Every structure is written in C-alpha cells, then in structure tokens.
Amino acid sequence: MAMKDGNLLAAGVAAGLAAICCAAPVVVAAIGAVGLTAWLAEVGNVLVPALILCVGLIGFGLYRKQRRER
C-alpha cells in the first residue's frame, strides 16, 4: 500500500521533530558530563536549522518522487 505525498510529508516532519526533541536532552547530558557546559548556549541555535534542513530534504524527496512518476 503506497503512502500519499501529504502523509509522507507529515510523517517526515513528525519524525524530524521527534528526532530533534529526543536527541537534544541526550546531547545536553553528554556535554554536561564531559564539562563543556559553556558550549551548551550554542546548541539551541542548531536545533532550528536542523529542523529546516530536515523539512527541506523531505520536500526534495517528494519533488524527485513526483518527477520520476511523470
């Protein structure tokens, strides 16, 4: 059963958000354990671009899929 493009986009965005939300606390704990807590102020600046990159890659994949089907 094939997944519709809208469902694929929604699933990809949800997966990207879940990955970022689940990975952030692990990264914070690991860096805090190593003693690099001063670097943690910059971690928040990485999460939004990572989400934008994830959504962009999903969009690119959908574009290539539609182009291949024509």
PDB file of N, CA and C in Angstrom:
ATOM      1  N   MET A   1       0.846  -1.176   0.000  1.00  0.00           N
ATOM      2  CA  MET A   1       0.000   0.000   0.000  1.00  0.00           C
ATOM      3  C   MET A   1       0.891   1.239   0.000  1.00  0.00           C
ATOM      4  N   ALA A   2       0.712   2.099  -0.975  1.00  0.00           N
ATOM      5  CA  ALA A   2       1.552   3.280  -1.124  1.00  0.00           C
ATOM      6  C   ALA A   2       1.052   4.402  -0.213  1.00  0.00           C
ATOM      7  N   MET A   3       1.997   5.163   0.281  1.00  0.00           N
ATOM      8  CA  MET A   3       1.679   6.292   1.139  1.00  0.00           C
ATOM      9  C   MET A   3       1.465   7.531   0.273  1.00  0.00           C
ATOM     10  N   LYS A   4       0.444   8.306   0.550  1.00  0.00           N
ATOM     11  CA  LYS A   4       0.189   9.526  -0.204  1.00  0.00           C
ATOM     12  C   LYS A   4       1.246  10.567   0.130  1.00  0.00           C
ATOM     13  N   ASP A   5       1.478  11.517  -0.792  1.00  0.00           N
ATOM     14  CA  ASP A   5       2.511  12.520  -0.596  1.00  0.00           C
ATOM     15  C   ASP A   5       2.269  13.365   0.657  1.00  0.00           C
ATOM     16  N   GLY A   6       1.031  13.730   0.916  1.00  0.00           N
ATOM     17  CA  GLY A   6       0.713  14.524   2.105  1.00  0.00           C
ATOM     18  C   GLY A   6       1.027  13.763   3.377  1.00  0.00           C
ATOM     19  N   ASN A   7       0.709  12.481   3.374  1.00  0.00           N
ATOM     20  CA  ASN A   7       1.010  11.653   4.539  1.00  0.00           C
ATOM     21  C   ASN A   7       2.509  11.478   4.710  1.00  0.00           C
ATOM     22  N   LEU A   8       3.216  11.356   3.597  1.00  0.00           N
ATOM     23  CA  LEU A   8       4.664  11.212   3.661  1.00  0.00           C
ATOM     24  C   LEU A   8       5.304  12.469   4.229  1.00  0.00           C
ATOM     25  N   LEU A   9       4.840  13.628   3.814  1.00  0.00           N
ATOM     26  CA  LEU A   9       5.367  14.888   4.316  1.00  0.00           C
ATOM     27  C   LEU A   9       5.085  15.031   5.808  1.00  0.00           C
ATOM     28  N   ALA A  10       3.873  14.741   6.226  1.00  0.00           N
ATOM     29  CA  ALA A  10       3.508  14.842   7.638  1.00  0.00           C
ATOM     30  C   ALA A  10       4.326  13.869   8.486  1.00  0.00           C
ATOM     31  N   ALA A  11       4.505  12.665   7.991  1.00  0.00           N
ATOM     32  CA  ALA A  11       5.293  11.677   8.730  1.00  0.00           C
ATOM     33  C   ALA A  11       6.750  12.106   8.828  1.00  0.00           C
ATOM     34  N   GLY A  12       7.276  12.675   7.763  1.00  0.00           N
ATOM     35  CA  GLY A  12       8.667  13.130   7.783  1.00  0.00           C
ATOM     36  C   GLY A  12       8.887  14.284   8.740  1.00  0.00           C
ATOM     37  N   VAL A  13       7.960  15.242   8.742  1.00  0.00           N
ATOM     38  CA  VAL A  13       8.069  16.374   9.661  1.00  0.00           C
ATOM     39  C   VAL A  13       7.960  15.886  11.103  1.00  0.00           C
ATOM     40  N   ALA A  14       7.026  14.997  11.359  1.00  0.00           N
ATOM     41  CA  ALA A  14       6.869  14.459  12.709  1.00  0.00           C
ATOM     42  C   ALA A  14       8.115  13.688  13.138  1.00  0.00           C
ATOM     43  N   ALA A  15       8.700  12.935  12.232  1.00  0.00           N
ATOM     44  CA  ALA A  15       9.916  12.191  12.561  1.00  0.00           C
ATOM     45  C   ALA A  15      11.081  13.134  12.838  1.00  0.00           C
ATOM     46  N   GLY A  16      11.182  14.198  12.059  1.00  0.00           N
ATOM     47  CA  GLY A  16      12.241  15.182  12.288  1.00  0.00           C
ATOM     48  C   GLY A  16      12.095  15.866  13.636  1.00  0.00           C
ATOM     49  N   LEU A  17      10.872  16.270  13.967  1.00  0.00           N
ATOM     50  CA  LEU A  17      10.637  16.895  15.272  1.00  0.00           C
ATOM     51  C   LEU A  17      10.935  15.935  16.415  1.00  0.00           C
ATOM     52  N   ALA A  18      10.506  14.699  16.268  1.00  0.00           N
ATOM     53  CA  ALA A  18      10.752  13.716  17.322  1.00  0.00           C
ATOM     54  C   ALA A  18      12.241  13.454  17.492  1.00  0.00           C
ATOM     55  N   ALA A  19      12.969  13.387  16.392  1.00  0.00           N
ATOM     56  CA  ALA A  19      14.410  13.142  16.475  1.00  0.00           C
ATOM     57  C   ALA A  19      15.123  14.296  17.161  1.00  0.00           C
ATOM     58  N   ILE A  20      14.741  15.517  16.807  1.00  0.00           N
ATOM     59  CA  ILE A  20      15.379  16.682  17.431  1.00  0.00           C
ATOM     60  C   ILE A  20      15.014  16.770  18.908  1.00  0.00           C
ATOM     61  N   CYS A  21      13.757  16.555  19.234  1.00  0.00           N
ATOM     62  CA  CYS A  21      13.325  16.660  20.630  1.00  0.00           C
ATOM     63  C   CYS A  21      13.915  15.555  21.505  1.00  0.00           C
ATOM     64  N   CYS A  22      14.107  14.386  20.945  1.00  0.00           N
ATOM     65  CA  CYS A  22      14.651  13.280  21.734  1.00  0.00           C
ATOM     66  C   CYS A  22      16.173  13.343  21.828  1.00  0.00           C
ATOM     67  N   ALA A  23      16.826  13.875  20.808  1.00  0.00           N
ATOM     68  CA  ALA A  23      18.287  13.918  20.809  1.00  0.00           C
ATOM     69  C   ALA A  23      18.826  15.065  21.656  1.00  0.00           C
ATOM     70  N   ALA A  24      18.089  16.165  21.756  1.00  0.00           N
ATOM     71  CA  ALA A  24      18.586  17.344  22.474  1.00  0.00           C
ATOM     72  C   ALA A  24      18.915  17.052  23.939  1.00  0.00           C
ATOM     73  N   PRO A  25      18.044  16.393  24.710  1.00  0.00           N
ATOM     74  CA  PRO A  25      18.400  16.119  26.110  1.00  0.00           C
ATOM     75  C   PRO A  25      19.612  15.186  26.248  1.00  0.00           C
ATOM     76  N   VAL A  26      19.749  14.254  25.337  1.00  0.00           N
ATOM     77  CA  VAL A  26      20.903  13.341  25.387  1.00  0.00           C
ATOM     78  C   VAL A  26      22.189  14.115  25.124  1.00  0.00           C
ATOM     79  N   VAL A  27      22.156  15.013  24.149  1.00  0.00           N
ATOM     80  CA  VAL A  27      23.332  15.833  23.841  1.00  0.00           C
ATOM     81  C   VAL A  27      23.676  16.726  25.024  1.00  0.00           C
ATOM     82  N   VAL A  28      22.672  17.347  25.620  1.00  0.00           N
ATOM     83  CA  VAL A  28      22.899  18.233  26.769  1.00  0.00           C
ATOM     84  C   VAL A  28      23.506  17.452  27.930  1.00  0.00           C
ATOM     85  N   ALA A  29      22.985  16.274  28.225  1.00  0.00           N
ATOM     86  CA  ALA A  29      23.516  15.476  29.328  1.00  0.00           C
ATOM     87  C   ALA A  29      24.938  15.010  29.055  1.00  0.00           C
ATOM     88  N   ALA A  30      25.200  14.593  27.820  1.00  0.00           N
ATOM     89  CA  ALA A  30      26.547  14.113  27.480  1.00  0.00           C
ATOM     90  C   ALA A  30      27.571  15.237  27.555  1.00  0.00           C
ATOM     91  N   ILE A  31      27.217  16.401  27.041  1.00  0.00           N
ATOM     92  CA  ILE A  31      28.157  17.520  27.058  1.00  0.00           C
ATOM     93  C   ILE A  31      28.350  18.026  28.480  1.00  0.00           C
ATOM     94  N   GLY A  32      27.284  18.017  29.272  1.00  0.00           N
ATOM     95  CA  GLY A  32      27.411  18.413  30.671  1.00  0.00           C
ATOM     96  C   GLY A  32      28.294  17.458  31.448  1.00  0.00           C
ATOM     97  N   ALA A  33      28.232  16.184  31.135  1.00  0.00           N
ATOM     98  CA  ALA A  33      29.053  15.194  31.824  1.00  0.00           C
ATOM     99  C   ALA A  33      30.526  15.351  31.476  1.00  0.00           C
ATOM    100  N   VAL A  34      30.804  15.809  30.264  1.00  0.00           N
ATOM    101  CA  VAL A  34      32.191  15.983  29.827  1.00  0.00           C
ATOM    102  C   VAL A  34      32.767  17.292  30.365  1.00  0.00           C
ATOM    103  N   GLY A  35      31.911  18.246  30.707  1.00  0.00           N
ATOM    104  CA  GLY A  35      32.383  19.513  31.247  1.00  0.00           C
ATOM    105  C   GLY A  35      32.424  20.637  30.236  1.00  0.00           C
ATOM    106  N   LEU A  36      31.689  20.507  29.148  1.00  0.00           N
ATOM    107  CA  LEU A  36      31.668  21.540  28.120  1.00  0.00           C
ATOM    108  C   LEU A  36      30.361  22.326  28.171  1.00  0.00           C
ATOM    109  N   THR A  37      29.912  22.688  29.370  1.00  0.00           N
ATOM    110  CA  THR A  37      28.620  23.341  29.504  1.00  0.00           C
ATOM    111  C   THR A  37      28.586  24.733  28.891  1.00  0.00           C
ATOM    112  N   ALA A  38      29.708  25.396  28.748  1.00  0.00           N
ATOM    113  CA  ALA A  38      29.716  26.721  28.115  1.00  0.00           C
ATOM    114  C   ALA A  38      29.279  26.611  26.657  1.00  0.00           C
ATOM    115  N   TRP A  39      29.512  25.465  26.028  1.00  0.00           N
ATOM    116  CA  TRP A  39      29.129  25.264  24.638  1.00  0.00           C
ATOM    117  C   TRP A  39      27.625  25.088  24.488  1.00  0.00           C
ATOM    118  N   LEU A  40      26.935  24.733  25.586  1.00  0.00           N
ATOM    119  CA  LEU A  40      25.505  24.450  25.519  1.00  0.00           C
ATOM    120  C   LEU A  40      24.680  25.668  25.114  1.00  0.00           C
ATOM    121  N   ALA A  41      25.166  26.871  25.329  1.00  0.00           N
ATOM    122  CA  ALA A  41      24.417  28.067  24.934  1.00  0.00           C
ATOM    123  C   ALA A  41      24.224  28.106  23.424  1.00  0.00           C
ATOM    124  N   GLU A  42      25.123  27.501  22.678  1.00  0.00           N
ATOM    125  CA  GLU A  42      25.043  27.499  21.223  1.00  0.00           C
ATOM    126  C   GLU A  42      24.205  26.344  20.672  1.00  0.00           C
ATOM    127  N   VAL A  43      23.905  25.350  21.467  1.00  0.00           N
ATOM    128  CA  VAL A  43      23.162  24.185  20.982  1.00  0.00           C
ATOM    129  C   VAL A  43      21.767  24.577  20.514  1.00  0.00           C
ATOM    130  N   GLY A  44      21.125  25.499  21.217  1.00  0.00           N
ATOM    131  CA  GLY A  44      19.791  25.940  20.835  1.00  0.00           C
ATOM    132  C   GLY A  44      19.767  26.568  19.457  1.00  0.00           C
ATOM    133  N   ASN A  45      20.865  27.165  19.053  1.00  0.00           N
ATOM    134  CA  ASN A  45      20.943  27.784  17.731  1.00  0.00           C
ATOM    135  C   ASN A  45      21.053  26.752  16.618  1.00  0.00           C
ATOM    136  N   VAL A  46      21.313  25.516  16.957  1.00  0.00           N
ATOM    137  CA  VAL A  46      21.470  24.467  15.956  1.00  0.00           C
ATOM    138  C   VAL A  46      20.148  23.744  15.686  1.00  0.00           C
ATOM    139  N   LEU A  47      19.248  23.735  16.635  1.00  0.00           N
ATOM    140  CA  LEU A  47      18.026  22.940  16.502  1.00  0.00           C
ATOM    141  C   LEU A  47      17.106  23.440  15.389  1.00  0.00           C
ATOM    142  N   VAL A  48      16.906  24.744  15.286  1.00  0.00           N
ATOM    143  CA  VAL A  48      16.007  25.270  14.252  1.00  0.00           C
ATOM    144  C   VAL A  48      16.572  25.019  12.850  1.00  0.00           C
ATOM    145  N   PRO A  49      17.857  25.317  12.581  1.00  0.00           N
ATOM    146  CA  PRO A  49      18.379  24.978  11.242  1.00  0.00           C
ATOM    147  C   PRO A  49      18.326  23.482  10.937  1.00  0.00           C
ATOM    148  N   ALA A  50      18.497  22.642  11.950  1.00  0.00           N
ATOM    149  CA  ALA A  50      18.404  21.201  11.729  1.00  0.00           C
ATOM    150  C   ALA A  50      16.987  20.816  11.318  1.00  0.00           C
ATOM    151  N   LEU A  51      15.982  21.431  11.925  1.00  0.00           N
ATOM    152  CA  LEU A  51      14.599  21.164  11.555  1.00  0.00           C
ATOM    153  C   LEU A  51      14.317  21.657  10.137  1.00  0.00           C
ATOM    154  N   ILE A  52      14.822  22.843   9.792  1.00  0.00           N
ATOM    155  CA  ILE A  52      14.630  23.381   8.448  1.00  0.00           C
ATOM    156  C   ILE A  52      15.293  22.474   7.414  1.00  0.00           C
ATOM    157  N   LEU A  53      16.478  21.983   7.712  1.00  0.00           N
ATOM    158  CA  LEU A  53      17.181  21.061   6.815  1.00  0.00           C
ATOM    159  C   LEU A  53      16.371  19.781   6.622  1.00  0.00           C
ATOM    160  N   CYS A  54      15.822  19.261   7.696  1.00  0.00           N
ATOM    161  CA  CYS A  54      15.022  18.036   7.628  1.00  0.00           C
ATOM    162  C   CYS A  54      13.795  18.232   6.739  1.00  0.00           C
ATOM    163  N   VAL A  55      13.086  19.336   6.929  1.00  0.00           N
ATOM    164  CA  VAL A  55      11.896  19.613   6.114  1.00  0.00           C
ATOM    165  C   VAL A  55      12.296  19.826   4.655  1.00  0.00           C
ATOM    166  N   GLY A  56      13.426  20.492   4.417  1.00  0.00           N
ATOM    167  CA  GLY A  56      13.900  20.696   3.052  1.00  0.00           C
ATOM    168  C   GLY A  56      14.232  19.388   2.356  1.00  0.00           C
ATOM    169  N   LEU A  57      14.862  18.475   3.070  1.00  0.00           N
ATOM    170  CA  LEU A  57      15.185  17.172   2.488  1.00  0.00           C
ATOM    171  C   LEU A  57      13.925  16.372   2.167  1.00  0.00           C
ATOM    172  N   ILE A  58      12.914  16.482   3.014  1.00  0.00           N
ATOM    173  CA  ILE A  58      11.652  15.808   2.736  1.00  0.00           C
ATOM    174  C   ILE A  58      11.007  16.387   1.489  1.00  0.00           C
ATOM    175  N   GLY A  59      11.012  17.716   1.377  1.00  0.00           N
ATOM    176  CA  GLY A  59      10.453  18.363   0.196  1.00  0.00           C
ATOM    177  C   GLY A  59      11.193  17.967  -1.068  1.00  0.00           C
ATOM    178  N   PHE A  60      12.516  17.898  -1.001  1.00  0.00           N
ATOM    179  CA  PHE A  60      13.320  17.485  -2.153  1.00  0.00           C
ATOM    180  C   PHE A  60      12.997  16.051  -2.553  1.00  0.00           C
ATOM    181  N   GLY A  61      12.818  15.182  -1.575  1.00  0.00           N
ATOM    182  CA  GLY A  61      12.456  13.796  -1.869  1.00  0.00           C
ATOM    183  C   GLY A  61      11.098  13.687  -2.533  1.00  0.00           C
ATOM    184  N   LEU A  62      10.140  14.479  -2.059  1.00  0.00           N
ATOM    185  CA  LEU A  62       8.813  14.479  -2.684  1.00  0.00           C
ATOM    186  C   LEU A  62       8.881  15.011  -4.109  1.00  0.00           C
ATOM    187  N   TYR A  63       9.678  16.051  -4.326  1.00  0.00           N
ATOM    188  CA  TYR A  63       9.842  16.610  -5.674  1.00  0.00           C
ATOM    189  C   TYR A  63      10.422  15.575  -6.627  1.00  0.00           C
ATOM    190  N   ARG A  64      11.453  14.869  -6.180  1.00  0.00           N
ATOM    191  CA  ARG A  64      12.073  13.845  -7.031  1.00  0.00           C
ATOM    192  C   ARG A  64      11.110  12.700  -7.297  1.00  0.00           C
ATOM    193  N   LYS A  65      10.301  12.336  -6.295  1.00  0.00           N
ATOM    194  CA  LYS A  65       9.339  11.250  -6.482  1.00  0.00           C
ATOM    195  C   LYS A  65       8.300  11.628  -7.528  1.00  0.00           C
ATOM    196  N   GLN A  66       7.768  12.854  -7.454  1.00  0.00           N
ATOM    197  CA  GLN A  66       6.771  13.300  -8.434  1.00  0.00           C
ATOM    198  C   GLN A  66       7.385  13.388  -9.831  1.00  0.00           C
ATOM    199  N   ARG A  67       8.605  13.845  -9.912  1.00  0.00           N
ATOM    200  CA  ARG A  67       9.271  13.985 -11.202  1.00  0.00           C
ATOM    201  C   ARG A  67       9.520  12.615 -11.837  1.00  0.00           C
ATOM    202  N   ARG A  68       9.851  11.628 -11.018  1.00  0.00           N
ATOM    203  CA  ARG A  68      10.106  10.276 -11.518  1.00  0.00           C
ATOM    204  C   ARG A  68       8.823   9.622 -12.016  1.00  0.00           C
ATOM    205  N   GLU A  69       7.685   9.940 -11.394  1.00  0.00           N
ATOM    206  CA  GLU A  69       6.410   9.313 -11.768  1.00  0.00           C
ATOM    207  C   GLU A  69       5.850   9.855 -13.076  1.00  0.00           C
ATOM    208  N   ARG A  70       6.319  10.993 -13.542  1.00  0.00           N
ATOM    209  CA  ARG A  70       5.805  11.575 -14.796  1.00  0.00           C
ATOM    210  C   ARG A  70       6.301  10.887 -16.001  1.00  0.00           C
TER     211      ARG A  70
END
